[in-house]
Amino acid sequence: MTAGDTTRVERGAAQAALAVPGVAELQPTLRQALAGAASRAREAIGSPALPREAGIHIEHTPGTGAWHVQVRCVLTDSRRAADVARDVRDRVRSAVSSHVTHHGTPEPVTVVVTVTRITRSVPLRSGPRGRVR
């Protein structure tokens, strides 16, 4: 398994997690956030921003072939957190399993979802004559 393969798996896992209704964004780990902060100076000169898969951490154990995926996400309050987390786990497991099976033999996939924050949806209020304030 190459670093490029792991990056593709992370990207697929991120896309699967972000497709779940109720997921606002993926939350980078402290290490990823610090690296992103350090790279902001480089962004000014054209360096790419923190990737979308920054909230995903994947470890592959070559001896056993097992994959361990950690997903850190921020949710909206539109659905129950437990339901969203379960959907994220299922979709990410399916995406990683599909990728691994397509590129070799099926290997066990474990997914842990951490909800780091829940954002409140603030409805817009309409004022007189239907104007939005």
C-alpha atoms as a PDB file:
ATOM      1  CA  MET A   1       0.000   0.000   0.000  1.00  0.00           C
ATOM      2  CA  THR A   2       1.500   3.285  -1.082  1.00  0.00           C
ATOM      3  CA  ALA A   3       0.967   6.776   0.327  1.00  0.00           C
ATOM      4  CA  GLY A   4      -0.993   7.588  -2.830  1.00  0.00           C
ATOM      5  CA  ASP A   5      -3.344   4.670  -2.166  1.00  0.00           C
ATOM      6  CA  THR A   6      -3.928   5.848   1.398  1.00  0.00           C
ATOM      7  CA  THR A   7      -4.627   9.374   0.151  1.00  0.00           C
ATOM      8  CA  ARG A   8      -7.204   8.031  -2.315  1.00  0.00           C
ATOM      9  CA  VAL A   9      -8.866   6.029   0.466  1.00  0.00           C
ATOM     10  CA  GLU A  10      -8.902   9.121   2.716  1.00  0.00           C
ATOM     11  CA  ARG A  11     -10.411  11.216  -0.079  1.00  0.00           C
ATOM     12  CA  GLY A  12     -13.132   8.615  -0.699  1.00  0.00           C
ATOM     13  CA  ALA A  13     -13.867   8.373   3.025  1.00  0.00           C
ATOM     14  CA  ALA A  14     -14.118  12.171   3.275  1.00  0.00           C
ATOM     15  CA  GLN A  15     -16.521  12.334   0.330  1.00  0.00           C
ATOM     16  CA  ALA A  16     -18.670   9.597   1.868  1.00  0.00           C
ATOM     17  CA  ALA A  17     -18.784  11.355   5.249  1.00  0.00           C
ATOM     18  CA  LEU A  18     -19.557  14.767   3.765  1.00  0.00           C
ATOM     19  CA  ALA A  19     -22.429  13.278   1.727  1.00  0.00           C
ATOM     20  CA  VAL A  20     -24.318  12.313   4.889  1.00  0.00           C
ATOM     21  CA  PRO A  21     -27.175  14.713   5.666  1.00  0.00           C
ATOM     22  CA  GLY A  22     -26.392  16.509   8.915  1.00  0.00           C
ATOM     23  CA  VAL A  23     -22.606  16.661   8.450  1.00  0.00           C
ATOM     24  CA  ALA A  24     -21.505  20.296   8.284  1.00  0.00           C
ATOM     25  CA  GLU A  25     -17.772  19.693   7.857  1.00  0.00           C
ATOM     26  CA  LEU A  26     -14.881  17.475   8.852  1.00  0.00           C
ATOM     27  CA  GLN A  27     -12.801  18.637  11.806  1.00  0.00           C
ATOM     28  CA  PRO A  28      -9.029  18.290  11.451  1.00  0.00           C
ATOM     29  CA  THR A  29      -7.007  16.839  14.309  1.00  0.00           C
ATOM     30  CA  LEU A  30      -4.782  19.167  16.308  1.00  0.00           C
ATOM     31  CA  ARG A  31      -1.765  18.016  14.298  1.00  0.00           C
ATOM     32  CA  GLN A  32      -3.568  18.718  11.038  1.00  0.00           C
ATOM     33  CA  ALA A  33      -4.860  22.078  12.293  1.00  0.00           C
ATOM     34  CA  LEU A  34      -1.356  23.158  13.340  1.00  0.00           C
ATOM     35  CA  ALA A  35       0.034  22.077   9.995  1.00  0.00           C
ATOM     36  CA  GLY A  36      -2.748  24.021   8.302  1.00  0.00           C
ATOM     37  CA  ALA A  37      -1.993  27.110  10.363  1.00  0.00           C
ATOM     38  CA  ALA A  38       1.683  26.878   9.450  1.00  0.00           C
ATOM     39  CA  SER A  39       0.769  26.526   5.797  1.00  0.00           C
ATOM     40  CA  ARG A  40      -1.451  29.625   5.791  1.00  0.00           C
ATOM     41  CA  ALA A  41       1.658  31.707   5.306  1.00  0.00           C
ATOM     42  CA  ARG A  42       2.480  29.535   2.313  1.00  0.00           C
ATOM     43  CA  GLU A  43      -1.098  29.887   1.023  1.00  0.00           C
ATOM     44  CA  ALA A  44      -0.384  33.565   0.521  1.00  0.00           C
ATOM     45  CA  ILE A  45       2.179  32.547  -2.068  1.00  0.00           C
ATOM     46  CA  GLY A  46      -0.046  29.923  -3.693  1.00  0.00           C
ATOM     47  CA  SER A  47       0.256  26.797  -1.539  1.00  0.00           C
ATOM     48  CA  PRO A  48      -2.937  24.693  -1.464  1.00  0.00           C
ATOM     49  CA  ALA A  49      -5.370  24.984   1.464  1.00  0.00           C
ATOM     50  CA  LEU A  50      -6.013  22.235   4.012  1.00  0.00           C
ATOM     51  CA  PRO A  51      -7.515  19.290   2.091  1.00  0.00           C
ATOM     52  CA  ARG A  52     -11.151  18.254   2.595  1.00  0.00           C
ATOM     53  CA  GLU A  53     -10.001  14.922   3.985  1.00  0.00           C
ATOM     54  CA  ALA A  54      -8.221  16.618   6.908  1.00  0.00           C
ATOM     55  CA  GLY A  55     -10.838  15.221   9.328  1.00  0.00           C
ATOM     56  CA  ILE A  56     -10.016  11.649   8.293  1.00  0.00           C
ATOM     57  CA  HIS A  57      -7.154   9.591   9.713  1.00  0.00           C
ATOM     58  CA  ILE A  58      -6.511   6.145   8.254  1.00  0.00           C
ATOM     59  CA  GLU A  59      -4.130   3.460   9.432  1.00  0.00           C
ATOM     60  CA  HIS A  60      -3.495   0.275   7.502  1.00  0.00           C
ATOM     61  CA  THR A  61      -1.855  -2.647   9.279  1.00  0.00           C
ATOM     62  CA  PRO A  62       0.088  -4.573   6.628  1.00  0.00           C
ATOM     63  CA  GLY A  63       0.447  -7.745   8.706  1.00  0.00           C
ATOM     64  CA  THR A  64      -3.265  -8.230   9.347  1.00  0.00           C
ATOM     65  CA  GLY A  65      -4.524  -6.161   6.423  1.00  0.00           C
ATOM     66  CA  ALA A  66      -6.920  -4.330   8.729  1.00  0.00           C
ATOM     67  CA  TRP A  67      -7.935  -0.733   8.095  1.00  0.00           C
ATOM     68  CA  HIS A  68      -8.733   1.624  10.974  1.00  0.00           C
ATOM     69  CA  VAL A  69     -10.491   4.860  10.028  1.00  0.00           C
ATOM     70  CA  GLN A  70     -11.097   7.792  12.368  1.00  0.00           C
ATOM     71  CA  VAL A  71     -13.613  10.420  11.260  1.00  0.00           C
ATOM     72  CA  ARG A  72     -13.904  13.735  13.130  1.00  0.00           C
ATOM     73  CA  CYS A  73     -16.957  15.706  12.092  1.00  0.00           C
ATOM     74  CA  VAL A  74     -19.007  18.760  12.909  1.00  0.00           C
ATOM     75  CA  LEU A  75     -22.751  18.194  12.658  1.00  0.00           C
ATOM     76  CA  THR A  76     -25.740  20.414  12.156  1.00  0.00           C
ATOM     77  CA  ASP A  77     -28.634  20.180  14.578  1.00  0.00           C
ATOM     78  CA  SER A  78     -31.020  19.105  11.811  1.00  0.00           C
ATOM     79  CA  ARG A  79     -30.841  15.397  12.806  1.00  0.00           C
ATOM     80  CA  ARG A  80     -30.048  13.377  15.905  1.00  0.00           C
ATOM     81  CA  ALA A  81     -26.281  13.146  16.370  1.00  0.00           C
ATOM     82  CA  ALA A  82     -26.429   9.374  16.953  1.00  0.00           C
ATOM     83  CA  ASP A  83     -28.242   8.841  13.641  1.00  0.00           C
ATOM     84  CA  VAL A  84     -25.807  11.019  11.705  1.00  0.00           C
ATOM     85  CA  ALA A  85     -22.783   9.349  13.317  1.00  0.00           C
ATOM     86  CA  ARG A  86     -24.181   5.897  12.495  1.00  0.00           C
ATOM     87  CA  ASP A  87     -24.788   6.929   8.873  1.00  0.00           C
ATOM     88  CA  VAL A  88     -21.261   8.364   8.618  1.00  0.00           C
ATOM     89  CA  ARG A  89     -19.798   5.143  10.012  1.00  0.00           C
ATOM     90  CA  ASP A  90     -21.777   2.986   7.597  1.00  0.00           C
ATOM     91  CA  ARG A  91     -21.046   5.094   4.500  1.00  0.00           C
ATOM     92  CA  VAL A  92     -17.340   5.481   5.277  1.00  0.00           C
ATOM     93  CA  ARG A  93     -16.981   1.747   5.976  1.00  0.00           C
ATOM     94  CA  SER A  94     -18.737   0.979   2.691  1.00  0.00           C
ATOM     95  CA  ALA A  95     -16.562   3.445   0.724  1.00  0.00           C
ATOM     96  CA  VAL A  96     -13.296   2.139   2.197  1.00  0.00           C
ATOM     97  CA  SER A  97     -14.335  -1.516   1.838  1.00  0.00           C
ATOM     98  CA  SER A  98     -15.343  -0.918  -1.766  1.00  0.00           C
ATOM     99  CA  HIS A  99     -12.012   0.735  -2.581  1.00  0.00           C
ATOM    100  CA  VAL A 100      -9.985  -1.967  -0.848  1.00  0.00           C
ATOM    101  CA  THR A 101     -11.950  -4.794  -2.492  1.00  0.00           C
ATOM    102  CA  HIS A 102     -11.629  -3.147  -5.908  1.00  0.00           C
ATOM    103  CA  HIS A 103      -7.844  -2.849  -5.515  1.00  0.00           C
ATOM    104  CA  GLY A 104      -7.116  -6.229  -3.937  1.00  0.00           C
ATOM    105  CA  THR A 105      -8.507  -8.697  -1.467  1.00  0.00           C
ATOM    106  CA  PRO A 106     -11.225  -7.698   1.012  1.00  0.00           C
ATOM    107  CA  GLU A 107      -9.769  -6.564   4.324  1.00  0.00           C
ATOM    108  CA  PRO A 108     -11.518  -5.720   7.606  1.00  0.00           C
ATOM    109  CA  VAL A 109     -12.439  -2.055   8.078  1.00  0.00           C
ATOM    110  CA  THR A 110     -13.093  -0.425  11.451  1.00  0.00           C
ATOM    111  CA  VAL A 111     -14.574   3.083  11.530  1.00  0.00           C
ATOM    112  CA  VAL A 112     -14.723   5.326  14.597  1.00  0.00           C
ATOM    113  CA  VAL A 113     -16.750   8.536  14.324  1.00  0.00           C
ATOM    114  CA  THR A 114     -16.103  11.405  16.724  1.00  0.00           C
ATOM    115  CA  VAL A 115     -18.559  14.289  16.826  1.00  0.00           C
ATOM    116  CA  THR A 116     -16.485  17.328  17.741  1.00  0.00           C
ATOM    117  CA  ARG A 117     -19.263  19.918  17.682  1.00  0.00           C
ATOM    118  CA  ILE A 118     -22.894  20.471  16.754  1.00  0.00           C
ATOM    119  CA  THR A 119     -23.729  23.744  15.029  1.00  0.00           C
ATOM    120  CA  ARG A 120     -27.083  25.389  15.513  1.00  0.00           C
ATOM    121  CA  SER A 121     -29.234  26.160  12.530  1.00  0.00           C
ATOM    122  CA  VAL A 122     -30.420  29.745  12.841  1.00  0.00           C
ATOM    123  CA  PRO A 123     -33.578  30.385  10.828  1.00  0.00           C
ATOM    124  CA  LEU A 124     -33.875  33.750   9.135  1.00  0.00           C
ATOM    125  CA  ARG A 125     -36.689  35.889  10.484  1.00  0.00           C
ATOM    126  CA  SER A 126     -38.828  37.870   8.146  1.00  0.00           C
ATOM    127  CA  GLY A 127     -39.620  41.428   9.030  1.00  0.00           C
ATOM    128  CA  PRO A 128     -42.432  43.670   7.853  1.00  0.00           C
ATOM    129  CA  ARG A 129     -43.461  43.217   4.235  1.00  0.00           C
ATOM    130  CA  GLY A 130     -41.630  39.876   4.030  1.00  0.00           C
ATOM    131  CA  ARG A 131     -38.136  41.374   4.146  1.00  0.00           C
ATOM    132  CA  VAL A 132     -35.443  39.258   5.697  1.00  0.00           C
ATOM    133  CA  ARG A 133     -33.518  40.922   8.505  1.00  0.00           C
END
